[in-house]
Structure formats: C-alpha cells, structure tokens
Amino acid sequence: VRSGVEYSPVGEGLGMRDFWLYAWLRRAALILAHLSGLGLSLSISVLSRPGTKFLLQIKHGRPPLSSLQYCLCMTEGILLFSAEGTIFCLKSRKSKVRFHWLCQALALLAAAVGLGFIVASKNVSELPHLVSWHSLLGSCTLAASLLQAACGVCLIFHKQLRLSASLARLKLYHATCGLLVYLLATVTVMLAMFSDWFQATVRGGVWWVLVMLPLIPALVAMNQITNAYLPRKKLSS
C-alpha cells in the first residue's frame, strides 16, 4: 500500500542511478586527487635521491622537493573543504580552517626554502636569474601566494580590520584567487618537468604519466571551488 507521500520522478529508476553514479565518481575523483598528489611527491623524492642525476639538479638550482611540498600542502589545504569529506579527522568548520592555515603556512615555507636554494645556487654558479618560463611563472606564483595569504588574513580578521567588503564577498575573492594561485603552481610544476635534469632522468611513458599527474588534483580542486561558489539557478516547477 502506497503512503500519501509524493515521490519525485528524479528519485526513481535511471535518475537515482545517475545520482549515485555521479556521487561515486566525485568521491573516486577526490581519492584519486589525494593519491596523485602523494604519488607525484614520492616519485620525485625517489628520483631526487643522492646519486645518478642528483648533482645536476643542484647545479642548475632546481630543488624539486620544495616545489612539490608546496603543491602537496596547497592541495590538502583545499581538498579538506570538499563536500565528499576529507581524509583527515576533522569535522568542525573551525578545525578545517585552522588546518587549512597550517597547510598554507607550510606551503609558503616550502616556497621560501626553494627560492633561497635557487638564489644561492645561481649566485654560486654565476648563472642568470629568471631566464626560463618555469622561473618566471614560479616567481609570479610566489607573489600571488603572498597576496592570497594577505587576503586570508583579511578574511579571518574581518571585524578587527573593519573592512567595507562583506564577509561573503571576501570568501568568494579568497576562493577565486586561491584557485588561480593553485593553477599557477600546477603549471609551474609541469614546466619544471621539461627541465634538462628531469628529461634526462625520466623518459618515455613514465615522463608523460608524471607530467599529467598534477592535472588530476587541479581539476578536482577547480570543480570543488566552482561548485561551492558559483551561483546556481533554482528550478521552479
């Protein structure tokens, strides 16, 4: 006997299967984003171990681990706000915000270490600075990261600073600029894989796999931010 509850046709048959399939794909993409970020960092760590071509990367002033630590921290700092959940034991919004700040602080620290390493190495080797697309875009990414951190400070201390912009608008600006910074960092890492050291170390199909890996968390982060902040139109019956 049917009850008096009115069922939506979307929840029946193929529509429900499509809904669960979409939710499953979103969760699978989130897990894949975590694994790809971690896998890329571990792969470069193995490639950067002392021996073989390790001295070549020092000579050219390209510390890959700092760049990957930067991207890994940024990735986890963004994905912990995913609607599909997080791999960390964080439930409250306040805890997520604090962990987000920790991840971004570690990312900036890794970027500062990498920048100091590059400048010192270039000066010792008497090599010119900012001569490649990787270095130019990396400098832009670091500058944008500092501006993004300042935007985050304004967001947290919104009342104390007495800013004219509303809190909701600042959150939108912060999320949009954060996505831009993350995409810049992704492209910077991908350009680093075209360096002499990386191409001399990795070749063939493995090189293509490692080049494509940064795109997975970037696409997931872009989808997460756009779904959370883009305006939606309500459907009327």
Protein backbone atom coordinates (compact mmCIF):
# COMPACT_ATOMS: atom_id res chain seq x y z
CA VAL A 1 0.00 0.00 0.00
CA ARG A 2 1.40 3.34 -1.03
CA SER A 3 1.53 6.12 1.53
CA GLY A 4 0.41 9.66 0.87
CA VAL A 5 3.97 10.84 0.31
CA GLU A 6 4.55 12.39 -3.12
CA TYR A 7 7.69 10.98 -4.74
CA SER A 8 9.86 12.92 -7.14
CA PRO A 9 10.30 11.25 -10.53
CA VAL A 10 14.02 12.10 -10.37
CA GLY A 11 14.44 9.67 -7.48
CA GLU A 12 13.18 6.69 -9.39
CA GLY A 13 14.74 4.34 -11.89
CA LEU A 14 17.56 5.66 -14.02
CA GLY A 15 17.55 9.08 -12.38
CA MET A 16 18.51 7.63 -8.99
CA ARG A 17 21.22 5.50 -10.57
CA ASP A 18 22.62 8.58 -12.28
CA PHE A 19 22.64 10.42 -8.96
CA TRP A 20 24.52 7.69 -7.12
CA LEU A 21 26.91 7.23 -10.02
CA TYR A 22 27.70 10.94 -10.00
CA ALA A 23 28.29 10.93 -6.24
CA TRP A 24 30.51 7.85 -6.56
CA LEU A 25 32.53 9.46 -9.34
CA ARG A 26 33.05 12.59 -7.23
CA ARG A 27 34.34 10.51 -4.31
CA ALA A 28 36.58 8.48 -6.62
CA ALA A 29 37.98 11.68 -8.14
CA LEU A 30 38.70 13.07 -4.66
CA ILE A 31 40.58 9.91 -3.65
CA LEU A 32 42.47 9.95 -6.95
CA ALA A 33 43.45 13.58 -6.34
CA HIS A 34 44.95 12.69 -2.95
CA LEU A 35 46.78 9.68 -4.37
CA SER A 36 48.11 11.53 -7.40
CA GLY A 37 49.49 14.38 -5.29
CA LEU A 38 51.14 12.00 -2.85
CA GLY A 39 52.34 9.71 -5.64
CA LEU A 40 53.96 12.56 -7.54
CA SER A 41 55.78 13.74 -4.41
CA LEU A 42 57.04 10.23 -3.63
CA SER A 43 58.14 9.69 -7.24
CA ILE A 44 60.16 12.90 -7.33
CA SER A 45 61.62 12.08 -3.90
CA VAL A 46 62.91 8.79 -5.28
CA LEU A 47 64.26 10.47 -8.41
CA SER A 48 65.96 13.16 -6.32
CA ARG A 49 67.81 10.79 -4.03
CA PRO A 50 71.61 11.19 -3.89
CA GLY A 51 73.27 9.58 -6.86
CA THR A 52 72.73 9.49 -10.63
CA LYS A 53 71.47 12.93 -11.71
CA PHE A 54 71.10 14.48 -8.23
CA LEU A 55 74.16 16.72 -8.63
CA LEU A 56 72.81 18.00 -11.93
CA GLN A 57 69.68 19.42 -10.33
CA ILE A 58 71.77 21.12 -7.62
CA LYS A 59 74.00 22.66 -10.27
CA HIS A 60 71.02 24.14 -12.09
CA GLY A 61 69.39 25.29 -8.86
CA ARG A 62 66.16 23.34 -9.18
CA PRO A 63 65.10 21.76 -5.86
CA PRO A 64 62.05 19.77 -6.97
CA LEU A 65 61.04 18.66 -3.49
CA SER A 66 60.31 22.19 -2.32
CA SER A 67 58.01 22.78 -5.28
CA LEU A 68 56.17 19.52 -4.73
CA GLN A 69 55.84 20.07 -0.98
CA TYR A 70 54.37 23.46 -1.85
CA CYS A 71 51.78 21.92 -4.19
CA LEU A 72 51.03 18.99 -1.88
CA CYS A 73 50.33 21.28 1.08
CA MET A 74 48.15 23.52 -1.07
CA THR A 75 46.27 20.51 -2.42
CA GLU A 76 45.45 19.10 1.01
CA GLY A 77 44.59 22.56 2.30
CA ILE A 78 41.97 22.95 -0.44
CA LEU A 79 40.57 19.43 -0.62
CA LEU A 80 39.80 19.25 3.11
CA PHE A 81 36.80 21.52 2.39
CA SER A 82 35.41 19.03 -0.14
CA ALA A 83 31.72 18.17 0.21
CA GLU A 84 32.66 14.50 -0.19
CA GLY A 85 34.61 14.58 3.06
CA THR A 86 38.27 14.67 3.98
CA ILE A 87 40.91 12.08 4.77
CA PHE A 88 41.72 13.94 7.99
CA CYS A 89 39.72 13.52 11.20
CA LEU A 90 38.24 17.00 11.03
CA LYS A 91 34.52 17.60 11.38
CA SER A 92 34.02 21.17 12.53
CA ARG A 93 34.46 24.12 10.20
CA LYS A 94 36.75 25.81 12.71
CA SER A 95 39.15 22.85 12.78
CA LYS A 96 39.24 22.74 8.99
CA VAL A 97 40.05 26.43 8.78
CA ARG A 98 42.92 26.02 11.25
CA PHE A 99 44.33 23.05 9.36
CA HIS A 100 43.91 24.99 6.12
CA TRP A 101 46.03 27.77 7.56
CA LEU A 102 48.66 25.25 8.69
CA CYS A 103 48.85 23.72 5.20
CA GLN A 104 49.17 27.12 3.53
CA ALA A 105 51.84 28.22 6.01
CA LEU A 106 53.83 25.07 5.26
CA ALA A 107 53.38 25.72 1.54
CA LEU A 108 54.80 29.23 1.87
CA LEU A 109 57.66 27.89 3.98
CA ALA A 110 58.49 25.31 1.29
CA ALA A 111 58.35 28.03 -1.36
CA ALA A 112 60.68 30.25 0.67
CA VAL A 113 63.17 27.39 1.14
CA GLY A 114 63.07 26.61 -2.56
CA LEU A 115 63.55 30.26 -3.51
CA GLY A 116 66.51 30.63 -1.16
CA PHE A 117 68.06 27.46 -2.53
CA ILE A 118 67.67 28.66 -6.12
CA VAL A 119 69.08 32.14 -5.49
CA ALA A 120 72.09 30.80 -3.58
CA SER A 121 72.80 28.12 -6.17
CA LYS A 122 72.53 30.55 -9.08
CA ASN A 123 74.84 33.03 -7.37
CA VAL A 124 77.46 30.35 -6.64
CA SER A 125 77.28 29.01 -10.18
CA GLU A 126 77.16 32.55 -11.63
CA LEU A 127 74.10 31.66 -13.67
CA PRO A 128 71.49 34.26 -14.71
CA HIS A 129 68.18 34.50 -12.90
CA LEU A 130 64.68 34.39 -14.40
CA VAL A 131 65.68 33.11 -17.83
CA SER A 132 63.12 30.30 -18.22
CA TRP A 133 59.33 30.15 -18.29
CA HIS A 134 59.47 27.95 -15.20
CA SER A 135 61.37 30.55 -13.17
CA LEU A 136 59.21 33.45 -14.39
CA LEU A 137 55.95 31.69 -13.68
CA GLY A 138 57.31 30.43 -10.37
CA SER A 139 58.07 34.00 -9.31
CA CYS A 140 54.56 35.08 -10.26
CA THR A 141 53.13 32.13 -8.32
CA LEU A 142 55.10 33.04 -5.20
CA ALA A 143 53.99 36.69 -5.40
CA ALA A 144 50.37 35.61 -5.88
CA SER A 145 50.69 33.25 -2.90
CA LEU A 146 51.75 36.12 -0.66
CA LEU A 147 48.82 38.22 -1.83
CA GLN A 148 46.49 35.28 -1.26
CA ALA A 149 47.84 34.85 2.27
CA ALA A 150 47.17 38.56 2.91
CA CYS A 151 43.62 38.05 1.64
CA GLY A 152 43.24 35.17 4.08
CA VAL A 153 44.38 37.40 6.94
CA CYS A 154 41.75 39.96 5.96
CA LEU A 155 39.14 37.21 5.93
CA ILE A 156 39.98 36.00 9.43
CA PHE A 157 40.31 39.45 10.98
CA HIS A 158 37.41 40.93 9.05
CA LYS A 159 35.80 42.54 12.10
CA GLN A 160 39.03 43.84 13.59
CA LEU A 161 40.12 45.45 10.32
CA ARG A 162 36.63 46.91 9.75
CA LEU A 163 36.69 46.23 6.03
CA SER A 164 33.92 47.60 3.85
CA ALA A 165 33.54 44.39 1.84
CA SER A 166 31.15 41.80 3.23
CA LEU A 167 32.38 38.51 4.65
CA ALA A 168 30.66 36.51 1.90
CA ARG A 169 32.30 38.59 -0.80
CA LEU A 170 35.72 38.21 0.81
CA LYS A 171 35.24 34.43 0.90
CA LEU A 172 34.41 34.49 -2.80
CA TYR A 173 37.52 36.55 -3.56
CA HIS A 174 39.68 34.31 -1.41
CA ALA A 175 38.43 31.11 -3.06
CA THR A 176 38.74 32.52 -6.58
CA CYS A 177 42.24 33.88 -6.04
CA GLY A 178 43.23 30.65 -4.31
CA LEU A 179 42.16 28.66 -7.34
CA LEU A 180 44.18 30.96 -9.59
CA VAL A 181 47.26 30.52 -7.39
CA TYR A 182 46.81 26.75 -7.38
CA LEU A 183 46.54 26.61 -11.16
CA LEU A 184 49.66 28.77 -11.49
CA ALA A 185 51.52 26.40 -9.17
CA THR A 186 50.33 23.40 -11.20
CA VAL A 187 51.60 24.87 -14.45
CA THR A 188 54.89 25.82 -12.77
CA VAL A 189 55.45 22.23 -11.63
CA MET A 190 54.59 20.92 -15.07
CA LEU A 191 57.09 23.31 -16.68
CA ALA A 192 59.76 22.05 -14.27
CA MET A 193 59.35 18.60 -15.82
CA PHE A 194 60.64 20.00 -19.10
CA SER A 195 63.99 20.85 -17.48
CA ASP A 196 67.22 19.17 -18.58
CA TRP A 197 67.52 17.31 -15.27
CA PHE A 198 64.03 15.86 -15.35
CA GLN A 199 64.10 14.88 -19.01
CA ALA A 200 67.49 13.26 -18.53
CA THR A 201 66.17 11.32 -15.54
CA VAL A 202 62.72 10.27 -16.74
CA ARG A 203 61.84 9.29 -20.29
CA GLY A 204 59.15 7.59 -22.30
CA GLY A 205 55.73 6.78 -20.93
CA VAL A 206 56.71 7.40 -17.31
CA TRP A 207 57.51 11.01 -18.18
CA TRP A 208 54.05 11.52 -19.66
CA VAL A 209 52.40 9.96 -16.61
CA LEU A 210 54.27 12.26 -14.22
CA VAL A 211 53.50 15.30 -16.34
CA MET A 212 49.78 14.51 -16.31
CA LEU A 213 49.58 13.73 -12.58
CA PRO A 214 49.40 17.39 -11.39
CA LEU A 215 46.33 17.92 -13.58
CA ILE A 216 44.19 15.48 -11.56
CA PRO A 217 44.14 17.37 -8.22
CA ALA A 218 43.94 20.66 -10.14
CA LEU A 219 40.76 19.59 -11.91
CA VAL A 220 39.24 18.26 -8.69
CA ALA A 221 40.07 21.48 -6.81
CA MET A 222 38.66 23.59 -9.64
CA ASN A 223 35.44 21.57 -9.66
CA GLN A 224 35.15 21.82 -5.87
CA ILE A 225 35.60 25.60 -5.77
CA THR A 226 33.33 26.35 -8.72
CA ASN A 227 30.56 24.13 -7.32
CA ALA A 228 30.83 25.82 -3.93
CA TYR A 229 30.93 29.45 -5.05
CA LEU A 230 29.36 29.76 -8.50
CA PRO A 231 25.76 30.98 -8.33
CA ARG A 232 23.09 28.40 -9.05
CA LYS A 233 19.65 28.97 -10.52
CA LYS A 234 16.80 27.34 -8.64
CA LEU A 235 14.47 25.26 -10.77
CA SER A 236 10.83 26.13 -10.37
CA SER A 237 8.07 23.65 -11.01
